[in-house]
N, C-alpha and C. Protein backbone atom coordinates (compact mmCIF):
# COMPACT_ATOMS: atom_id res chain seq x y z
N UNK A 1 -13.65 -1.99 -11.39
CA UNK A 1 -12.80 -0.59 -11.71
C UNK A 1 -11.95 -0.57 -10.02
N UNK A 2 -10.72 -0.16 -10.42
CA UNK A 2 -10.04 0.29 -9.08
C UNK A 2 -9.29 1.32 -9.30
N UNK A 3 -9.04 2.11 -8.29
CA UNK A 3 -8.53 3.36 -8.19
C UNK A 3 -7.15 3.35 -8.07
N UNK A 4 -6.26 4.11 -8.34
CA UNK A 4 -4.79 4.26 -8.11
C UNK A 4 -4.32 4.49 -6.81
N UNK A 5 -5.50 4.75 -5.49
CA UNK A 5 -5.26 5.06 -4.50
C UNK A 5 -5.53 3.85 -3.56
N UNK A 6 -6.33 2.68 -4.32
CA UNK A 6 -6.19 1.31 -3.59
C UNK A 6 -5.23 0.25 -4.41
N UNK A 7 -3.93 0.75 -4.91
CA UNK A 7 -3.25 -0.01 -5.34
C UNK A 7 -2.49 -1.01 -4.20
N UNK A 8 -2.26 -2.27 -4.18
CA UNK A 8 -1.48 -2.97 -3.28
C UNK A 8 -0.56 -3.84 -4.35
N UNK A 9 0.57 -4.41 -3.84
CA UNK A 9 1.33 -5.19 -4.42
C UNK A 9 0.52 -6.36 -5.17
N UNK A 10 0.90 -6.92 -6.17
CA UNK A 10 0.10 -8.15 -6.78
C UNK A 10 -1.47 -7.65 -7.20
N UNK A 11 -1.72 -6.59 -7.56
CA UNK A 11 -3.22 -6.32 -8.02
C UNK A 11 -3.01 -6.43 -9.33
N UNK A 12 -3.77 -6.69 -10.11
CA UNK A 12 -3.84 -6.70 -11.62
C UNK A 12 -4.92 -5.84 -12.37
N UNK A 13 -4.44 -5.06 -13.39
CA UNK A 13 -5.53 -4.03 -13.98
C UNK A 13 -5.19 -3.84 -15.48
N UNK A 14 -6.11 -3.38 -15.90
CA UNK A 14 -5.90 -3.03 -17.38
C UNK A 14 -5.49 -1.53 -17.78
N UNK A 15 -4.42 -1.32 -18.41
CA UNK A 15 -3.65 -0.01 -18.88
C UNK A 15 -3.63 -0.13 -20.05
N UNK A 16 -4.14 0.71 -21.21
CA UNK A 16 -4.00 0.83 -22.55
C UNK A 16 -4.18 -0.42 -23.12
N UNK A 17 -5.26 -1.00 -22.69
CA UNK A 17 -5.47 -2.42 -23.28
C UNK A 17 -4.31 -3.61 -22.69
N UNK A 18 -3.39 -3.23 -21.99
CA UNK A 18 -2.64 -4.23 -21.60
C UNK A 18 -2.60 -4.78 -20.35
N UNK A 19 -2.45 -5.80 -19.53
CA UNK A 19 -2.72 -6.49 -18.23
C UNK A 19 -1.60 -6.22 -17.82
N UNK A 20 -1.50 -5.35 -16.72
CA UNK A 20 -0.33 -5.26 -15.56
C UNK A 20 -0.61 -5.76 -14.29
N UNK A 21 0.50 -5.80 -13.68
CA UNK A 21 0.21 -5.99 -12.22
C UNK A 21 1.46 -5.17 -11.34
N UNK A 22 0.64 -4.59 -10.30
CA UNK A 22 1.39 -4.01 -9.20
C UNK A 22 2.56 -4.73 -8.58
N UNK A 23 4.13 -4.08 -9.02
CA UNK A 23 5.07 -4.65 -8.25
C UNK A 23 5.35 -4.06 -6.93
N UNK A 24 5.15 -2.53 -7.24
CA UNK A 24 5.60 -1.80 -6.26
C UNK A 24 4.82 -0.69 -5.74
N UNK A 25 4.48 -0.02 -4.77
CA UNK A 25 3.68 1.16 -4.88
C UNK A 25 4.10 2.19 -3.90
N UNK A 26 3.76 3.36 -3.90
CA UNK A 26 4.07 4.32 -2.71
C UNK A 26 3.09 5.35 -2.84
N UNK A 27 2.59 6.00 -1.77
CA UNK A 27 1.55 7.02 -1.78
C UNK A 27 2.50 8.04 -1.24
N UNK A 28 2.58 9.22 -2.38
CA UNK A 28 3.65 10.29 -1.89
C UNK A 28 2.68 11.84 -1.48
N UNK A 29 2.82 12.25 -0.40
CA UNK A 29 2.22 13.42 -0.13
C UNK A 29 3.35 14.46 0.02
N UNK A 30 3.33 15.28 -1.24
CA UNK A 30 4.44 16.14 -0.87
C UNK A 30 3.86 17.56 -0.19
N UNK A 31 4.96 18.03 0.22
CA UNK A 31 4.53 19.66 1.04
C UNK A 31 3.54 20.65 0.33
N UNK A 32 4.16 20.62 -0.87
CA UNK A 32 3.42 21.29 -1.82
C UNK A 32 2.71 20.44 -3.19
N UNK A 33 1.31 20.94 -3.60
CA UNK A 33 1.11 20.35 -4.49
C UNK A 33 0.25 18.89 -4.20
N UNK A 34 -0.61 18.50 -5.19
CA UNK A 34 -1.41 17.10 -4.86
C UNK A 34 -0.75 15.89 -4.50
N UNK A 35 -1.11 14.88 -3.72
CA UNK A 35 -0.79 13.92 -3.71
C UNK A 35 -0.76 12.66 -4.82
N UNK A 36 0.09 11.77 -4.95
CA UNK A 36 0.00 10.97 -6.20
C UNK A 36 0.54 9.66 -5.71
N UNK A 37 0.45 8.65 -6.56
CA UNK A 37 0.92 7.39 -6.19
C UNK A 37 2.20 6.94 -7.10
N UNK A 38 3.27 6.62 -6.67
CA UNK A 38 4.30 6.21 -7.44
C UNK A 38 4.11 4.68 -7.74
N UNK A 39 4.29 4.06 -9.00
CA UNK A 39 3.87 2.93 -9.09
C UNK A 39 5.25 2.03 -9.76
N UNK A 40 5.32 1.28 -9.74
CA UNK A 40 6.39 -0.01 -10.63
C UNK A 40 5.43 -1.01 -10.58
N UNK A 41 5.23 -1.29 -12.29
CA UNK A 41 4.01 -2.26 -12.43
C UNK A 41 4.82 -2.94 -13.42
N UNK A 42 4.29 -4.38 -13.90
CA UNK A 42 4.68 -5.37 -14.83
C UNK A 42 3.93 -5.70 -15.81
N UNK A 43 4.04 -5.44 -16.91
CA UNK A 43 3.10 -6.09 -18.16
C UNK A 43 3.24 -7.64 -18.01
N UNK A 44 2.09 -8.47 -17.57
CA UNK A 44 2.18 -9.58 -17.01
C UNK A 44 2.39 -10.40 -18.54
N UNK A 45 2.10 -9.97 -19.55
CA UNK A 45 2.36 -10.75 -21.15
C UNK A 45 3.68 -10.84 -21.38
N UNK A 46 4.24 -9.54 -21.53
CA UNK A 46 5.61 -9.31 -22.02
C UNK A 46 6.49 -9.40 -20.99
N UNK A 47 6.30 -9.06 -19.68
CA UNK A 47 7.30 -9.28 -18.42
C UNK A 47 7.79 -7.81 -18.40
N UNK A 48 7.92 -6.76 -19.16
CA UNK A 48 8.44 -5.50 -19.06
C UNK A 48 7.78 -4.73 -17.80
N UNK A 49 8.82 -4.15 -17.13
CA UNK A 49 8.65 -3.60 -15.95
C UNK A 49 8.72 -1.69 -16.22
N UNK A 50 7.64 -1.33 -15.73
CA UNK A 50 7.54 0.38 -16.16
C UNK A 50 7.15 1.26 -14.51
N UNK A 51 7.98 2.15 -14.46
CA UNK A 51 7.67 3.06 -13.50
C UNK A 51 7.29 4.51 -13.60
N UNK A 52 5.96 4.50 -13.08
CA UNK A 52 5.37 5.68 -13.38
C UNK A 52 4.36 6.41 -12.15
N UNK A 53 3.91 7.63 -12.27
CA UNK A 53 3.14 8.03 -11.11
C UNK A 53 1.65 8.22 -11.71
N UNK A 54 0.71 8.05 -10.78
CA UNK A 54 -0.76 8.21 -11.27
C UNK A 54 -1.36 9.27 -10.24
N UNK A 55 -2.44 9.94 -10.66
CA UNK A 55 -3.18 10.65 -9.57
C UNK A 55 -4.17 9.62 -8.67
N UNK A 56 -4.14 9.77 -7.40
CA UNK A 56 -4.88 8.75 -6.74
C UNK A 56 -6.37 8.53 -7.08
N UNK A 57 -6.87 9.27 -7.65
CA UNK A 57 -8.40 9.39 -7.91
C UNK A 57 -8.53 8.50 -9.47
N UNK A 58 -7.39 8.29 -10.21
CA UNK A 58 -7.53 7.56 -11.38
C UNK A 58 -8.23 6.17 -11.37
N UNK A 59 -9.06 6.09 -11.86
CA UNK A 59 -9.77 4.57 -11.93
C UNK A 59 -9.19 3.62 -13.24
N UNK A 60 -9.11 2.17 -13.10
CA UNK A 60 -8.78 1.51 -14.21
C UNK A 60 -9.56 -0.01 -13.86
N UNK A 61 -10.02 -0.34 -14.98
CA UNK A 61 -10.70 -1.92 -15.30
C UNK A 61 -9.69 -2.98 -14.30
N UNK A 62 -10.42 -3.28 -13.57
CA UNK A 62 -9.67 -4.57 -12.86
C UNK A 62 -9.72 -5.79 -13.84
N UNK A 63 -8.13 -6.60 -13.96
CA UNK A 63 -8.01 -7.50 -14.77
C UNK A 63 -8.14 -9.15 -13.83
N UNK A 64 -8.70 -9.80 -14.18
CA UNK A 64 -8.85 -11.20 -13.28
C UNK A 64 -8.19 -12.08 -14.21
N UNK A 65 -7.17 -12.55 -13.47
CA UNK A 65 -6.44 -13.26 -13.92
C UNK A 65 -6.45 -14.90 -13.47
N UNK A 66 -6.55 -15.95 -14.18
CA UNK A 66 -7.10 -16.87 -13.71
C UNK A 66 -5.80 -17.88 -13.48
N UNK A 67 -5.96 -18.35 -12.50
CA UNK A 67 -4.72 -19.42 -12.04
C UNK A 67 -5.37 -20.83 -11.68
N UNK A 68 -4.76 -21.69 -12.36
CA UNK A 68 -5.43 -22.90 -12.43
C UNK A 68 -4.14 -23.95 -12.59
N UNK A 69 -4.41 -25.12 -11.21
CA UNK A 69 -3.57 -26.00 -11.34
C UNK A 69 -3.63 -27.10 -12.34
N UNK A 70 -2.52 -27.43 -12.83
CA UNK A 70 -2.58 -28.32 -13.75
C UNK A 70 -1.30 -28.99 -13.76
N UNK A 71 -1.37 -30.74 -14.14
CA UNK A 71 -0.13 -31.55 -14.20
C UNK A 71 0.75 -31.60 -15.48
N UNK A 72 2.10 -30.84 -15.21
CA UNK A 72 2.97 -31.33 -16.44
C UNK A 72 2.84 -32.77 -17.04
N UNK A 73 2.59 -32.82 -18.27
CA UNK A 73 2.44 -34.41 -18.83
C UNK A 73 3.97 -34.93 -19.44
N UNK A 74 4.01 -34.21 -20.80
CA UNK A 74 5.27 -34.01 -21.59
C UNK A 74 5.60 -32.99 -22.38
N UNK A 75 6.63 -33.07 -23.19
CA UNK A 75 6.84 -32.30 -23.81
C UNK A 75 7.00 -32.60 -25.35
N UNK A 76 6.71 -32.03 -26.58
CA UNK A 76 7.06 -32.54 -27.95
C UNK A 76 7.58 -31.59 -28.80
N UNK A 77 8.84 -31.48 -28.90
CA UNK A 77 9.41 -30.18 -29.53
C UNK A 77 9.30 -29.11 -28.86
N UNK A 78 8.72 -28.07 -29.36
CA UNK A 78 8.39 -26.77 -28.76
C UNK A 78 7.24 -26.61 -27.98
N UNK A 79 6.20 -27.71 -27.91
CA UNK A 79 5.25 -27.67 -27.24
C UNK A 79 5.16 -28.46 -25.94
N UNK A 80 4.63 -27.81 -24.75
CA UNK A 80 4.68 -28.50 -23.43
C UNK A 80 3.34 -28.98 -23.11
N UNK A 81 2.78 -30.00 -22.80
CA UNK A 81 1.28 -30.59 -22.63
C UNK A 81 1.16 -30.43 -20.66
N UNK A 82 0.13 -29.86 -20.71
CA UNK A 82 -0.49 -30.03 -18.89
C UNK A 82 -1.65 -30.30 -19.47
N UNK A 83 -1.99 -31.27 -18.28
CA UNK A 83 -3.15 -31.65 -18.08
C UNK A 83 -4.46 -31.03 -17.09
N UNK A 84 -5.22 -30.84 -17.42
CA UNK A 84 -6.05 -30.37 -16.31
C UNK A 84 -6.78 -31.53 -15.30
N UNK A 85 -6.84 -31.18 -14.27
CA UNK A 85 -6.66 -32.68 -13.54
C UNK A 85 -8.38 -32.60 -13.17
N UNK A 86 -9.26 -31.75 -13.51
CA UNK A 86 -10.55 -32.15 -13.28
C UNK A 86 -11.27 -32.74 -14.35
N UNK A 87 -11.08 -31.95 -15.86
CA UNK A 87 -11.51 -32.58 -17.16
C UNK A 87 -10.37 -33.46 -17.99
N UNK A 88 -9.36 -33.82 -17.42
CA UNK A 88 -8.38 -34.52 -17.76
C UNK A 88 -8.10 -34.26 -19.47
N UNK A 89 -8.26 -33.07 -19.64
CA UNK A 89 -8.24 -32.41 -20.77
C UNK A 89 -6.40 -31.81 -21.05
N UNK A 90 -6.02 -32.01 -22.10
CA UNK A 90 -4.67 -32.06 -22.43
C UNK A 90 -4.55 -30.20 -23.03
N UNK A 91 -3.50 -29.64 -22.41
CA UNK A 91 -3.50 -28.58 -22.82
C UNK A 91 -1.82 -28.16 -23.54
N UNK A 92 -1.85 -27.69 -24.93
CA UNK A 92 -0.37 -27.42 -25.22
C UNK A 92 -0.06 -26.24 -24.74
N UNK A 93 0.94 -25.89 -24.55
CA UNK A 93 1.81 -24.48 -23.93
C UNK A 93 3.05 -24.20 -24.89
N UNK A 94 3.39 -23.35 -25.38
CA UNK A 94 4.33 -22.89 -26.29
C UNK A 94 5.64 -22.77 -24.97
N UNK A 95 6.92 -23.08 -25.59
CA UNK A 95 8.22 -22.84 -24.87
C UNK A 95 8.31 -21.58 -24.74
N UNK A 96 7.84 -20.66 -25.69
CA UNK A 96 8.46 -19.05 -25.54
C UNK A 96 7.76 -18.79 -23.87
N UNK A 97 6.62 -19.25 -23.51
CA UNK A 97 5.55 -18.82 -22.30
C UNK A 97 6.60 -19.17 -21.00
N UNK A 98 7.28 -20.42 -21.13
CA UNK A 98 7.84 -21.02 -19.77
C UNK A 98 9.09 -20.10 -19.20
N UNK A 99 9.25 -20.03 -17.89
CA UNK A 99 10.54 -19.49 -17.50
C UNK A 99 11.41 -20.09 -17.27
N UNK A 100 12.75 -19.41 -16.93
CA UNK A 100 13.85 -20.35 -16.64
C UNK A 100 13.66 -21.23 -15.26
N UNK A 101 12.70 -20.78 -14.74
CA UNK A 101 12.55 -21.91 -13.62
C UNK A 101 11.86 -23.38 -13.78
N UNK A 102 11.38 -23.29 -14.86
CA UNK A 102 10.87 -24.31 -15.60
C UNK A 102 11.73 -25.75 -15.49
N UNK A 103 12.94 -25.14 -15.88
CA UNK A 103 14.00 -26.27 -15.85
C UNK A 103 13.97 -27.66 -14.59
N UNK A 104 13.47 -26.90 -13.51
CA UNK A 104 13.66 -27.68 -12.42
C UNK A 104 12.09 -28.53 -12.46
N UNK A 105 11.39 -28.71 -13.30
CA UNK A 105 10.03 -29.28 -13.35
C UNK A 105 10.15 -30.78 -13.93
N UNK A 106 9.54 -31.64 -13.38
CA UNK A 106 9.84 -33.10 -14.29
C UNK A 106 8.16 -33.70 -14.33
N UNK A 107 8.24 -34.30 -14.85
CA UNK A 107 6.86 -34.97 -15.53
C UNK A 107 5.90 -35.29 -14.25
N UNK A 108 4.57 -34.98 -14.31
CA UNK A 108 3.50 -35.26 -13.26
C UNK A 108 3.63 -34.31 -12.18
N UNK A 109 4.38 -33.05 -12.41
CA UNK A 109 4.59 -31.95 -11.19
C UNK A 109 3.48 -31.31 -11.50
N UNK A 110 2.68 -30.67 -10.20
CA UNK A 110 1.55 -29.85 -10.58
C UNK A 110 2.21 -28.54 -10.61
N UNK A 111 1.66 -27.57 -11.71
CA UNK A 111 1.90 -26.17 -11.66
C UNK A 111 0.83 -25.41 -11.90
N UNK A 112 1.08 -23.98 -11.71
CA UNK A 112 -0.01 -22.88 -12.17
C UNK A 112 -0.19 -22.49 -13.31
N UNK A 113 -0.94 -22.69 -13.85
CA UNK A 113 -1.13 -21.97 -15.34
C UNK A 113 -1.92 -20.59 -15.38
N UNK A 114 -1.09 -19.58 -15.46
CA UNK A 114 -1.86 -18.10 -15.48
C UNK A 114 -2.14 -17.92 -16.80
N UNK A 115 -3.36 -17.26 -17.15
CA UNK A 115 -4.47 -16.97 -18.11
C UNK A 115 -5.08 -16.05 -18.10
N UNK A 116 -5.35 -15.02 -18.84
CA UNK A 116 -6.08 -13.79 -19.05
C UNK A 116 -7.07 -13.89 -20.00
N UNK A 117 -8.16 -14.28 -20.01
CA UNK A 117 -9.21 -14.04 -21.18
C UNK A 117 -9.12 -15.49 -21.94
N UNK A 118 -8.58 -16.59 -21.26
CA UNK A 118 -8.56 -17.77 -22.12
C UNK A 118 -7.30 -18.00 -22.75
N UNK A 119 -6.35 -16.87 -22.44
CA UNK A 119 -4.65 -16.95 -23.37
C UNK A 119 -3.55 -16.89 -22.31
N UNK A 120 -3.12 -18.00 -22.27
CA UNK A 120 -2.33 -18.47 -21.37
C UNK A 120 -0.83 -17.69 -21.59
N UNK A 121 -0.31 -17.01 -20.37
CA UNK A 121 0.84 -16.12 -20.65
C UNK A 121 1.71 -16.58 -19.56
N UNK A 122 1.57 -17.51 -18.74
CA UNK A 122 2.60 -17.90 -17.87
C UNK A 122 2.60 -19.24 -17.43
N UNK A 123 3.58 -19.59 -16.77
CA UNK A 123 3.51 -21.29 -15.80
C UNK A 123 4.31 -21.03 -14.55
N UNK A 124 4.00 -20.96 -13.81
CA UNK A 124 4.44 -20.91 -12.38
C UNK A 124 4.75 -22.67 -11.88
N UNK A 125 6.03 -22.79 -11.89
CA UNK A 125 6.64 -24.12 -11.21
C UNK A 125 6.17 -23.93 -9.90
N UNK A 126 6.08 -25.56 -8.83
CA UNK A 126 6.04 -24.98 -7.40
C UNK A 126 7.28 -24.26 -6.99
N UNK A 127 7.12 -23.65 -5.85
CA UNK A 127 8.25 -23.36 -5.36
C UNK A 127 9.34 -23.70 -4.90
N UNK A 128 9.08 -25.13 -4.25
CA UNK A 128 10.02 -26.07 -3.98
C UNK A 128 9.67 -27.45 -4.50
N UNK A 129 10.94 -28.13 -5.15
CA UNK A 129 10.91 -29.07 -5.75
C UNK A 129 12.13 -30.20 -5.16
N UNK A 130 11.64 -31.70 -4.99
CA UNK A 130 12.59 -32.47 -4.49
C UNK A 130 13.17 -33.13 -5.88
N UNK A 131 14.71 -33.30 -6.09
CA UNK A 131 14.98 -33.72 -7.03
C UNK A 131 16.05 -34.68 -6.78
N UNK A 132 16.11 -35.48 -7.70
CA UNK A 132 17.67 -36.41 -7.57
C UNK A 132 19.03 -35.98 -8.25
N UNK A 133 19.97 -36.09 -7.36
CA UNK A 133 21.22 -35.68 -7.92
C UNK A 133 21.78 -36.87 -9.10
N UNK A 134 21.88 -36.64 -10.43
CA UNK A 134 22.48 -37.60 -11.43
C UNK A 134 23.79 -37.74 -11.51
N UNK A 135 24.35 -36.31 -11.25
CA UNK A 135 25.86 -36.22 -11.49
C UNK A 135 26.53 -35.15 -10.79
N UNK A 136 27.45 -35.67 -10.17
CA UNK A 136 28.05 -34.42 -9.42
C UNK A 136 29.77 -35.23 -8.76
N UNK A 137 30.84 -34.27 -8.81
CA UNK A 137 32.19 -34.66 -8.40
C UNK A 137 32.28 -35.07 -6.69
N UNK A 138 32.73 -35.86 -6.62
CA UNK A 138 32.64 -36.24 -5.10
C UNK A 138 33.54 -34.92 -4.29
N UNK A 139 33.25 -34.97 -3.01
CA UNK A 139 33.88 -33.88 -2.23
C UNK A 139 34.68 -34.75 -1.56
N UNK A 140 35.85 -34.03 -1.44
CA UNK A 140 36.97 -34.63 -0.44
C UNK A 140 37.32 -33.86 0.93
N UNK A 141 37.43 -34.75 1.63
CA UNK A 141 37.58 -34.15 3.44
C UNK A 141 38.77 -33.09 3.15
N UNK A 142 38.70 -32.22 4.12
CA UNK A 142 39.80 -31.47 4.18
C UNK A 142 39.85 -29.96 2.87
N UNK A 143 38.69 -30.55 2.10
CA UNK A 143 38.73 -29.72 1.21
C UNK A 143 37.65 -28.57 1.07
N UNK A 144 37.49 -28.08 2.52
CA UNK A 144 36.37 -27.30 2.84
C UNK A 144 37.04 -25.67 3.03
N UNK A 145 36.28 -24.88 2.62
CA UNK A 145 36.61 -23.73 3.03
C UNK A 145 35.32 -23.12 3.42
N UNK A 146 34.73 -21.65 4.04
CA UNK A 146 33.60 -21.62 4.59
C UNK A 146 32.57 -21.63 2.84
N UNK A 147 31.45 -22.32 3.40
CA UNK A 147 30.51 -22.63 2.32
C UNK A 147 30.85 -22.77 0.96
N UNK A 148 31.68 -24.11 0.48
CA UNK A 148 32.32 -24.31 -0.57
C UNK A 148 31.12 -25.17 -1.17
N UNK A 149 31.15 -24.97 -2.48
CA UNK A 149 29.92 -25.73 -3.36
C UNK A 149 30.59 -26.18 -4.41
N UNK A 150 29.80 -26.96 -5.21
CA UNK A 150 30.28 -27.69 -6.28
C UNK A 150 29.28 -27.81 -7.31
N UNK A 151 28.96 -28.00 -8.28
CA UNK A 151 28.20 -28.10 -9.36
C UNK A 151 27.62 -29.66 -9.53
N UNK A 152 26.15 -29.56 -9.70
CA UNK A 152 25.67 -31.18 -9.46
C UNK A 152 24.39 -30.85 -10.58
N UNK A 153 24.32 -31.77 -11.52
CA UNK A 153 23.19 -31.99 -12.27
C UNK A 153 22.09 -32.71 -11.96
N UNK A 154 20.58 -32.03 -11.71
CA UNK A 154 19.87 -32.89 -11.33
C UNK A 154 18.99 -33.66 -12.34
N UNK A 155 18.03 -34.73 -12.00
CA UNK A 155 17.43 -35.55 -13.13
C UNK A 155 16.71 -34.82 -14.10
N UNK A 156 16.26 -33.66 -13.89
CA UNK A 156 15.62 -32.98 -15.13
C UNK A 156 16.78 -32.25 -16.04
N UNK A 157 18.02 -32.30 -15.57
CA UNK A 157 19.31 -31.54 -16.47
C UNK A 157 19.64 -30.42 -16.03
N UNK A 158 18.92 -29.60 -15.03
CA UNK A 158 19.27 -28.68 -14.64
C UNK A 158 20.46 -28.37 -13.88
N UNK A 159 21.32 -27.67 -13.59
CA UNK A 159 22.46 -27.70 -12.72
C UNK A 159 22.45 -26.81 -11.61
N UNK A 160 22.75 -27.22 -10.61
CA UNK A 160 22.62 -26.59 -9.23
C UNK A 160 23.79 -26.47 -8.70
N UNK A 161 24.04 -25.56 -7.73
CA UNK A 161 25.15 -25.59 -6.86
C UNK A 161 24.97 -26.17 -5.82
N UNK A 162 25.74 -26.82 -5.11
CA UNK A 162 25.26 -27.77 -3.94
C UNK A 162 26.52 -27.87 -3.04
N UNK A 163 26.48 -28.14 -1.67
CA UNK A 163 27.64 -28.19 -0.99
C UNK A 163 28.10 -29.77 -0.86
N UNK A 164 29.54 -29.49 -0.57
CA UNK A 164 30.57 -30.63 -1.08
C UNK A 164 29.85 -32.11 -0.40
N UNK A 165 28.98 -32.11 0.49
CA UNK A 165 28.93 -33.24 1.36
C UNK A 165 27.96 -34.15 0.22
N UNK A 166 27.16 -33.68 -0.73
CA UNK A 166 26.12 -34.03 -1.62
C UNK A 166 26.64 -35.02 -2.56
N UNK A 167 26.41 -36.23 -2.41
CA UNK A 167 26.63 -37.17 -3.57
C UNK A 167 25.79 -37.66 -4.72
N UNK A 168 25.94 -38.30 -5.61
CA UNK A 168 25.19 -38.52 -6.72
C UNK A 168 24.21 -39.79 -6.15
N UNK A 169 22.87 -39.69 -6.70
CA UNK A 169 21.87 -40.35 -6.09
C UNK A 169 21.29 -39.81 -4.88
N UNK A 170 21.43 -38.78 -4.37
CA UNK A 170 20.56 -38.26 -3.34
C UNK A 170 19.74 -37.27 -4.00
N UNK A 171 18.64 -37.12 -2.86
CA UNK A 171 17.37 -36.16 -3.00
C UNK A 171 17.73 -35.17 -2.41
N UNK A 172 17.47 -33.54 -3.14
CA UNK A 172 17.90 -32.86 -2.93
C UNK A 172 16.48 -31.72 -3.35
N UNK A 173 16.51 -30.57 -1.97
CA UNK A 173 15.16 -29.43 -2.11
C UNK A 173 15.80 -28.44 -2.85
N UNK A 174 15.12 -27.94 -4.06
CA UNK A 174 15.81 -26.62 -4.61
C UNK A 174 14.49 -25.80 -4.59
N UNK A 175 14.77 -24.23 -4.25
CA UNK A 175 14.16 -23.52 -4.36
C UNK A 175 14.03 -23.18 -5.99
N UNK A 176 12.90 -22.91 -6.67
CA UNK A 176 12.66 -22.69 -7.90
C UNK A 176 12.59 -21.55 -8.32
N UNK A 177 12.25 -20.40 -7.41
CA UNK A 177 12.63 -19.08 -7.66
C UNK A 177 13.92 -18.68 -7.93
N UNK A 178 14.65 -19.12 -6.98
CA UNK A 178 15.97 -18.43 -6.97
C UNK A 178 16.81 -19.73 -7.87
N UNK A 179 16.70 -20.93 -7.48
CA UNK A 179 17.63 -22.20 -8.32
C UNK A 179 18.69 -22.40 -7.51
N UNK A 180 18.33 -22.20 -6.24
CA UNK A 180 19.24 -22.62 -5.06
C UNK A 180 19.11 -23.89 -4.29
N UNK A 181 20.08 -24.91 -3.97
CA UNK A 181 20.09 -25.71 -3.07
C UNK A 181 19.78 -25.00 -1.67
N UNK A 182 18.43 -25.96 -1.30
CA UNK A 182 17.94 -25.56 0.14
C UNK A 182 18.20 -26.40 0.93
N UNK A 183 18.13 -27.76 1.07
CA UNK A 183 18.41 -29.13 2.32
C UNK A 183 18.38 -30.24 1.53
N UNK A 184 18.82 -31.22 2.16
CA UNK A 184 18.50 -32.91 1.84
C UNK A 184 16.98 -32.98 2.03
N UNK A 185 16.76 -34.04 1.09
CA UNK A 185 15.36 -34.23 1.09
C UNK A 185 14.98 -35.23 1.91
């Protein structure tokens, strides 16, 4: 059990049968009246975010979310297969569980599989990936303004904005959380 007074960012707990994660919290002690905890939490299954207030003494059951490293193997239609590196078991995961950042993942990359009571609800790709640029227009000298960028397609098929000096065949580093070019690899 966890009380609302002990909330911290990232804490998961059960609320009305749903698993939720604290995104933001603030302990408020008004001049008049009792103290309360203003909380913004996210439903980890549906992704919806709700803002509400709790009494600091309110207690909730703690939800243990399992995070397991698995290797992305391949996809077959709407199913994406991940391999458990300890047991070599193949686990199929529906495309509906994957986020937009999964477009930067290529085969054999290690991802974190998030599950609660055996039900997979999320896949976290690595924060940074190195991918090869497969298609981009050439950059021309003198064609630069401050921070000029151009679109580039990487080996997974995702499109990224890159600086003008990046050419086809170069390996670049991408932040999967924002989808932004970071540096040459």
